Amino acid sequence: MEKNAGIDLLQGTLDMLVLKAVSLGPLHGYGVLLRIQQLSRERLEIQQGSLYPALYRLEHEGWIAGEWGQSENKRRARFYRLTATGRRRLEAETKKWNEFAGVVGAILSTESE
């Protein structure tokens, strides 16, 4: 699990965050890290040791597609984009996540009698 500022990621959440990051436009691996940090307003920091296995897994599942290109600093890098299957997966995972958060929120807001 990743940690930053006391926030832990639940298992499987990293995949959803990566799918969301690449849904906003093609990114190389390090760009995915930066986009997640940016979207979380610097509250989440993903370690490269967790990210690259996730990228490999998501590409193997067919949810993202990668191709080699050149990064901003002229280095060879693999750029990832969301596939149609990945978009459907992101939508399904987002729906499940929102339902889960709603249930947990309802439980936590329950007052004692």
N, C-alpha and C. Protein backbone atom coordinates (compact mmCIF):
# COMPACT_ATOMS: atom_id res chain seq x y z
N MET A 1 0.83 -1.19 0.00
CA MET A 1 0.00 0.00 0.00
C MET A 1 0.87 1.24 0.00
N GLU A 2 0.39 2.26 -0.65
CA GLU A 2 1.12 3.52 -0.72
C GLU A 2 0.67 4.41 0.43
N LYS A 3 1.57 5.24 0.88
CA LYS A 3 1.25 6.14 1.97
C LYS A 3 1.79 7.53 1.69
N ASN A 4 1.03 8.51 2.06
CA ASN A 4 1.51 9.89 2.06
C ASN A 4 0.52 10.70 2.89
N ALA A 5 1.02 11.45 3.82
CA ALA A 5 0.18 12.30 4.66
C ALA A 5 -0.92 11.50 5.35
N GLY A 6 -0.62 10.25 5.72
CA GLY A 6 -1.59 9.46 6.46
C GLY A 6 -2.68 8.82 5.63
N ILE A 7 -2.60 8.87 4.32
CA ILE A 7 -3.62 8.27 3.46
C ILE A 7 -3.08 6.95 2.93
N ASP A 8 -3.83 5.88 3.15
CA ASP A 8 -3.47 4.57 2.63
C ASP A 8 -4.38 4.24 1.45
N LEU A 9 -3.81 3.60 0.44
CA LEU A 9 -4.61 3.16 -0.68
C LEU A 9 -5.09 1.74 -0.45
N LEU A 10 -6.37 1.49 -0.63
CA LEU A 10 -6.89 0.15 -0.55
C LEU A 10 -6.37 -0.66 -1.73
N GLN A 11 -6.25 -1.95 -1.52
CA GLN A 11 -5.78 -2.81 -2.60
C GLN A 11 -6.71 -2.65 -3.81
N GLY A 12 -6.16 -2.54 -4.99
CA GLY A 12 -6.94 -2.36 -6.21
C GLY A 12 -7.17 -0.91 -6.58
N THR A 13 -6.98 -0.01 -5.63
CA THR A 13 -7.22 1.40 -5.88
C THR A 13 -6.19 1.98 -6.84
N LEU A 14 -4.96 1.51 -6.76
CA LEU A 14 -3.91 2.01 -7.64
C LEU A 14 -4.29 1.80 -9.10
N ASP A 15 -4.82 0.63 -9.43
CA ASP A 15 -5.22 0.37 -10.82
C ASP A 15 -6.24 1.41 -11.28
N MET A 16 -7.23 1.69 -10.44
CA MET A 16 -8.26 2.65 -10.79
C MET A 16 -7.66 4.05 -10.98
N LEU A 17 -6.72 4.42 -10.12
CA LEU A 17 -6.09 5.74 -10.24
C LEU A 17 -5.24 5.85 -11.51
N VAL A 18 -4.56 4.77 -11.86
CA VAL A 18 -3.77 4.77 -13.10
C VAL A 18 -4.69 4.88 -14.30
N LEU A 19 -5.79 4.13 -14.30
CA LEU A 19 -6.74 4.21 -15.41
C LEU A 19 -7.28 5.64 -15.54
N LYS A 20 -7.60 6.26 -14.41
CA LYS A 20 -8.09 7.64 -14.45
C LYS A 20 -7.03 8.58 -15.00
N ALA A 21 -5.79 8.42 -14.54
CA ALA A 21 -4.72 9.30 -14.99
C ALA A 21 -4.54 9.22 -16.50
N VAL A 22 -4.49 8.01 -17.06
CA VAL A 22 -4.27 7.89 -18.50
C VAL A 22 -5.53 8.19 -19.30
N SER A 23 -6.70 8.20 -18.64
CA SER A 23 -7.93 8.57 -19.36
C SER A 23 -7.92 10.04 -19.75
N LEU A 24 -7.08 10.83 -19.08
CA LEU A 24 -7.01 12.27 -19.35
C LEU A 24 -6.02 12.60 -20.46
N GLY A 25 -5.34 11.58 -20.98
CA GLY A 25 -4.39 11.78 -22.06
C GLY A 25 -3.21 10.84 -21.90
N PRO A 26 -2.55 10.48 -23.01
CA PRO A 26 -1.42 9.55 -22.95
C PRO A 26 -0.31 10.06 -22.05
N LEU A 27 0.29 9.15 -21.30
CA LEU A 27 1.35 9.49 -20.37
C LEU A 27 2.40 8.41 -20.33
N HIS A 28 3.65 8.80 -20.06
CA HIS A 28 4.67 7.80 -19.77
C HIS A 28 4.59 7.51 -18.27
N GLY A 29 5.29 6.47 -17.82
CA GLY A 29 5.18 6.03 -16.44
C GLY A 29 5.36 7.13 -15.42
N TYR A 30 6.44 7.88 -15.53
CA TYR A 30 6.68 8.95 -14.57
C TYR A 30 5.59 10.01 -14.64
N GLY A 31 5.06 10.24 -15.84
CA GLY A 31 3.96 11.18 -16.00
C GLY A 31 2.71 10.73 -15.26
N VAL A 32 2.49 9.40 -15.19
CA VAL A 32 1.36 8.87 -14.43
C VAL A 32 1.54 9.23 -12.95
N LEU A 33 2.76 9.03 -12.44
CA LEU A 33 3.04 9.39 -11.04
C LEU A 33 2.73 10.86 -10.77
N LEU A 34 3.22 11.72 -11.66
CA LEU A 34 3.02 13.15 -11.48
C LEU A 34 1.55 13.54 -11.58
N ARG A 35 0.82 12.92 -12.53
CA ARG A 35 -0.60 13.26 -12.68
C ARG A 35 -1.39 12.85 -11.45
N ILE A 36 -1.13 11.68 -10.89
CA ILE A 36 -1.85 11.25 -9.69
C ILE A 36 -1.54 12.20 -8.54
N GLN A 37 -0.27 12.58 -8.39
CA GLN A 37 0.09 13.55 -7.35
C GLN A 37 -0.66 14.86 -7.56
N GLN A 38 -0.71 15.32 -8.80
CA GLN A 38 -1.38 16.59 -9.12
C GLN A 38 -2.87 16.50 -8.81
N LEU A 39 -3.51 15.41 -9.27
CA LEU A 39 -4.95 15.26 -9.07
C LEU A 39 -5.31 15.13 -7.59
N SER A 40 -4.38 14.58 -6.80
CA SER A 40 -4.63 14.41 -5.37
C SER A 40 -4.21 15.65 -4.57
N ARG A 41 -3.80 16.67 -5.26
CA ARG A 41 -3.29 17.91 -4.63
C ARG A 41 -2.13 17.58 -3.70
N GLU A 42 -1.25 16.70 -4.21
CA GLU A 42 -0.02 16.30 -3.52
C GLU A 42 -0.27 15.45 -2.27
N ARG A 43 -1.49 14.90 -2.10
CA ARG A 43 -1.78 14.09 -0.92
C ARG A 43 -1.46 12.61 -1.12
N LEU A 44 -1.31 12.19 -2.38
CA LEU A 44 -0.93 10.81 -2.67
C LEU A 44 0.38 10.80 -3.43
N GLU A 45 1.24 9.90 -3.05
CA GLU A 45 2.49 9.72 -3.75
C GLU A 45 2.65 8.24 -4.05
N ILE A 46 2.68 7.89 -5.31
CA ILE A 46 2.80 6.50 -5.73
C ILE A 46 4.28 6.21 -5.95
N GLN A 47 4.73 5.10 -5.41
CA GLN A 47 6.12 4.68 -5.58
C GLN A 47 6.30 3.98 -6.92
N GLN A 48 7.43 4.22 -7.57
CA GLN A 48 7.70 3.59 -8.86
C GLN A 48 7.66 2.08 -8.76
N GLY A 49 8.07 1.53 -7.63
CA GLY A 49 8.07 0.09 -7.44
C GLY A 49 6.68 -0.51 -7.43
N SER A 50 5.67 0.29 -7.18
CA SER A 50 4.27 -0.16 -7.25
C SER A 50 3.66 0.17 -8.60
N LEU A 51 4.06 1.30 -9.17
CA LEU A 51 3.45 1.77 -10.41
C LEU A 51 3.76 0.87 -11.60
N TYR A 52 5.03 0.54 -11.79
CA TYR A 52 5.39 -0.18 -13.01
C TYR A 52 4.78 -1.58 -13.09
N PRO A 53 4.70 -2.32 -11.99
CA PRO A 53 3.95 -3.59 -12.06
C PRO A 53 2.47 -3.37 -12.40
N ALA A 54 1.89 -2.28 -11.89
CA ALA A 54 0.49 -1.97 -12.20
C ALA A 54 0.33 -1.66 -13.68
N LEU A 55 1.24 -0.87 -14.25
CA LEU A 55 1.17 -0.57 -15.69
C LEU A 55 1.26 -1.84 -16.51
N TYR A 56 2.17 -2.72 -16.14
CA TYR A 56 2.33 -3.99 -16.85
C TYR A 56 1.04 -4.81 -16.75
N ARG A 57 0.48 -4.90 -15.55
CA ARG A 57 -0.75 -5.66 -15.33
C ARG A 57 -1.91 -5.09 -16.14
N LEU A 58 -2.06 -3.77 -16.12
CA LEU A 58 -3.16 -3.13 -16.85
C LEU A 58 -3.01 -3.30 -18.36
N GLU A 59 -1.77 -3.26 -18.83
CA GLU A 59 -1.53 -3.48 -20.27
C GLU A 59 -1.83 -4.94 -20.62
N HIS A 60 -1.43 -5.85 -19.76
CA HIS A 60 -1.68 -7.28 -19.98
C HIS A 60 -3.18 -7.57 -20.03
N GLU A 61 -3.95 -6.86 -19.21
CA GLU A 61 -5.41 -7.03 -19.19
C GLU A 61 -6.08 -6.38 -20.40
N GLY A 62 -5.35 -5.54 -21.12
CA GLY A 62 -5.92 -4.86 -22.28
C GLY A 62 -6.64 -3.57 -21.92
N TRP A 63 -6.45 -3.07 -20.71
CA TRP A 63 -7.13 -1.86 -20.28
C TRP A 63 -6.37 -0.60 -20.66
N ILE A 64 -5.07 -0.74 -20.86
CA ILE A 64 -4.26 0.35 -21.40
C ILE A 64 -3.40 -0.23 -22.52
N ALA A 65 -2.97 0.62 -23.42
CA ALA A 65 -2.06 0.21 -24.49
C ALA A 65 -0.85 1.12 -24.42
N GLY A 66 0.32 0.54 -24.63
CA GLY A 66 1.55 1.31 -24.57
C GLY A 66 2.30 1.27 -25.88
N GLU A 67 2.97 2.35 -26.17
CA GLU A 67 3.86 2.38 -27.34
C GLU A 67 5.06 3.26 -26.99
N TRP A 68 6.17 2.93 -27.62
CA TRP A 68 7.41 3.65 -27.34
C TRP A 68 7.42 4.99 -28.04
N GLY A 69 7.95 5.97 -27.35
CA GLY A 69 8.08 7.30 -27.89
C GLY A 69 9.20 8.02 -27.17
N GLN A 70 9.24 9.33 -27.35
CA GLN A 70 10.31 10.13 -26.75
C GLN A 70 9.69 11.09 -25.73
N SER A 71 10.26 11.10 -24.53
CA SER A 71 9.76 11.98 -23.48
C SER A 71 10.22 13.41 -23.71
N GLU A 72 9.76 14.29 -22.82
CA GLU A 72 10.10 15.72 -22.93
C GLU A 72 11.62 15.94 -22.86
N ASN A 73 12.30 15.08 -22.11
CA ASN A 73 13.75 15.24 -21.97
C ASN A 73 14.53 14.37 -22.96
N LYS A 74 13.88 14.02 -24.07
CA LYS A 74 14.50 13.31 -25.19
C LYS A 74 14.93 11.87 -24.86
N ARG A 75 14.31 11.28 -23.84
CA ARG A 75 14.61 9.89 -23.50
C ARG A 75 13.52 8.99 -24.04
N ARG A 76 13.91 7.76 -24.34
CA ARG A 76 12.94 6.78 -24.81
C ARG A 76 12.04 6.40 -23.64
N ALA A 77 10.73 6.43 -23.88
CA ALA A 77 9.77 6.13 -22.82
C ALA A 77 8.55 5.44 -23.42
N ARG A 78 7.90 4.64 -22.61
CA ARG A 78 6.68 3.96 -23.03
C ARG A 78 5.50 4.85 -22.62
N PHE A 79 4.68 5.22 -23.60
CA PHE A 79 3.51 6.06 -23.36
C PHE A 79 2.26 5.18 -23.35
N TYR A 80 1.40 5.42 -22.36
CA TYR A 80 0.20 4.61 -22.17
C TYR A 80 -1.03 5.43 -22.45
N ARG A 81 -2.02 4.75 -23.04
CA ARG A 81 -3.32 5.38 -23.29
C ARG A 81 -4.40 4.39 -22.88
N LEU A 82 -5.55 4.90 -22.56
CA LEU A 82 -6.68 4.08 -22.16
C LEU A 82 -7.32 3.45 -23.39
N THR A 83 -7.64 2.16 -23.32
CA THR A 83 -8.35 1.48 -24.40
C THR A 83 -9.85 1.57 -24.15
N ALA A 84 -10.65 1.17 -25.11
CA ALA A 84 -12.12 1.15 -24.93
C ALA A 84 -12.49 0.21 -23.78
N THR A 85 -11.81 -0.93 -23.70
CA THR A 85 -12.05 -1.87 -22.60
C THR A 85 -11.66 -1.22 -21.27
N GLY A 86 -10.57 -0.49 -21.26
CA GLY A 86 -10.13 0.20 -20.06
C GLY A 86 -11.10 1.28 -19.63
N ARG A 87 -11.70 1.96 -20.61
CA ARG A 87 -12.69 3.00 -20.28
C ARG A 87 -13.90 2.37 -19.60
N ARG A 88 -14.36 1.24 -20.12
CA ARG A 88 -15.48 0.55 -19.49
C ARG A 88 -15.11 0.08 -18.08
N ARG A 89 -13.89 -0.41 -17.92
CA ARG A 89 -13.41 -0.86 -16.61
C ARG A 89 -13.35 0.31 -15.63
N LEU A 90 -12.84 1.45 -16.08
CA LEU A 90 -12.77 2.64 -15.23
C LEU A 90 -14.16 3.07 -14.80
N GLU A 91 -15.10 3.07 -15.72
CA GLU A 91 -16.48 3.45 -15.38
C GLU A 91 -17.06 2.51 -14.34
N ALA A 92 -16.86 1.20 -14.51
CA ALA A 92 -17.38 0.21 -13.57
C ALA A 92 -16.72 0.36 -12.19
N GLU A 93 -15.40 0.54 -12.18
CA GLU A 93 -14.68 0.68 -10.91
C GLU A 93 -15.04 1.98 -10.20
N THR A 94 -15.26 3.04 -10.96
CA THR A 94 -15.66 4.31 -10.37
C THR A 94 -17.03 4.18 -9.72
N LYS A 95 -17.94 3.50 -10.39
CA LYS A 95 -19.28 3.27 -9.83
C LYS A 95 -19.18 2.46 -8.54
N LYS A 96 -18.40 1.37 -8.56
CA LYS A 96 -18.24 0.55 -7.36
C LYS A 96 -17.60 1.35 -6.22
N TRP A 97 -16.59 2.14 -6.55
CA TRP A 97 -15.91 2.95 -5.54
C TRP A 97 -16.88 3.95 -4.91
N ASN A 98 -17.68 4.63 -5.73
CA ASN A 98 -18.62 5.61 -5.21
C ASN A 98 -19.68 4.96 -4.32
N GLU A 99 -20.15 3.76 -4.71
CA GLU A 99 -21.11 3.04 -3.88
C GLU A 99 -20.48 2.65 -2.55
N PHE A 100 -19.25 2.14 -2.59
CA PHE A 100 -18.52 1.76 -1.39
C PHE A 100 -18.34 2.96 -0.46
N ALA A 101 -17.90 4.08 -1.03
CA ALA A 101 -17.69 5.29 -0.23
C ALA A 101 -19.00 5.76 0.40
N GLY A 102 -20.11 5.63 -0.33
CA GLY A 102 -21.42 6.01 0.21
C GLY A 102 -21.83 5.14 1.38
N VAL A 103 -21.60 3.84 1.27
CA VAL A 103 -21.94 2.91 2.34
C VAL A 103 -21.08 3.20 3.58
N VAL A 104 -19.78 3.35 3.39
CA VAL A 104 -18.89 3.64 4.51
C VAL A 104 -19.26 4.98 5.14
N GLY A 105 -19.55 5.97 4.32
CA GLY A 105 -19.96 7.28 4.84
C GLY A 105 -21.24 7.20 5.67
N ALA A 106 -22.21 6.40 5.20
CA ALA A 106 -23.45 6.24 5.95
C ALA A 106 -23.20 5.56 7.30
N ILE A 107 -22.33 4.56 7.29
CA ILE A 107 -22.00 3.87 8.54
C ILE A 107 -21.33 4.84 9.51
N LEU A 108 -20.36 5.58 9.03
CA LEU A 108 -19.62 6.48 9.89
C LEU A 108 -20.45 7.66 10.41
N SER A 109 -21.48 8.03 9.69
CA SER A 109 -22.31 9.16 10.14
C SER A 109 -23.43 8.72 11.07
N THR A 110 -23.55 7.43 11.34
CA THR A 110 -24.59 6.93 12.24
C THR A 110 -24.30 7.38 13.68
N GLU A 111 -25.31 7.94 14.32
CA GLU A 111 -25.18 8.40 15.70
C GLU A 111 -25.71 7.33 16.64
N SER A 112 -25.16 7.30 17.85
CA SER A 112 -25.65 6.34 18.85
C SER A 112 -27.02 6.78 19.34
N GLU A 113 -27.77 5.81 19.80
CA GLU A 113 -29.14 6.11 20.28
C GLU A 113 -29.15 6.53 21.71
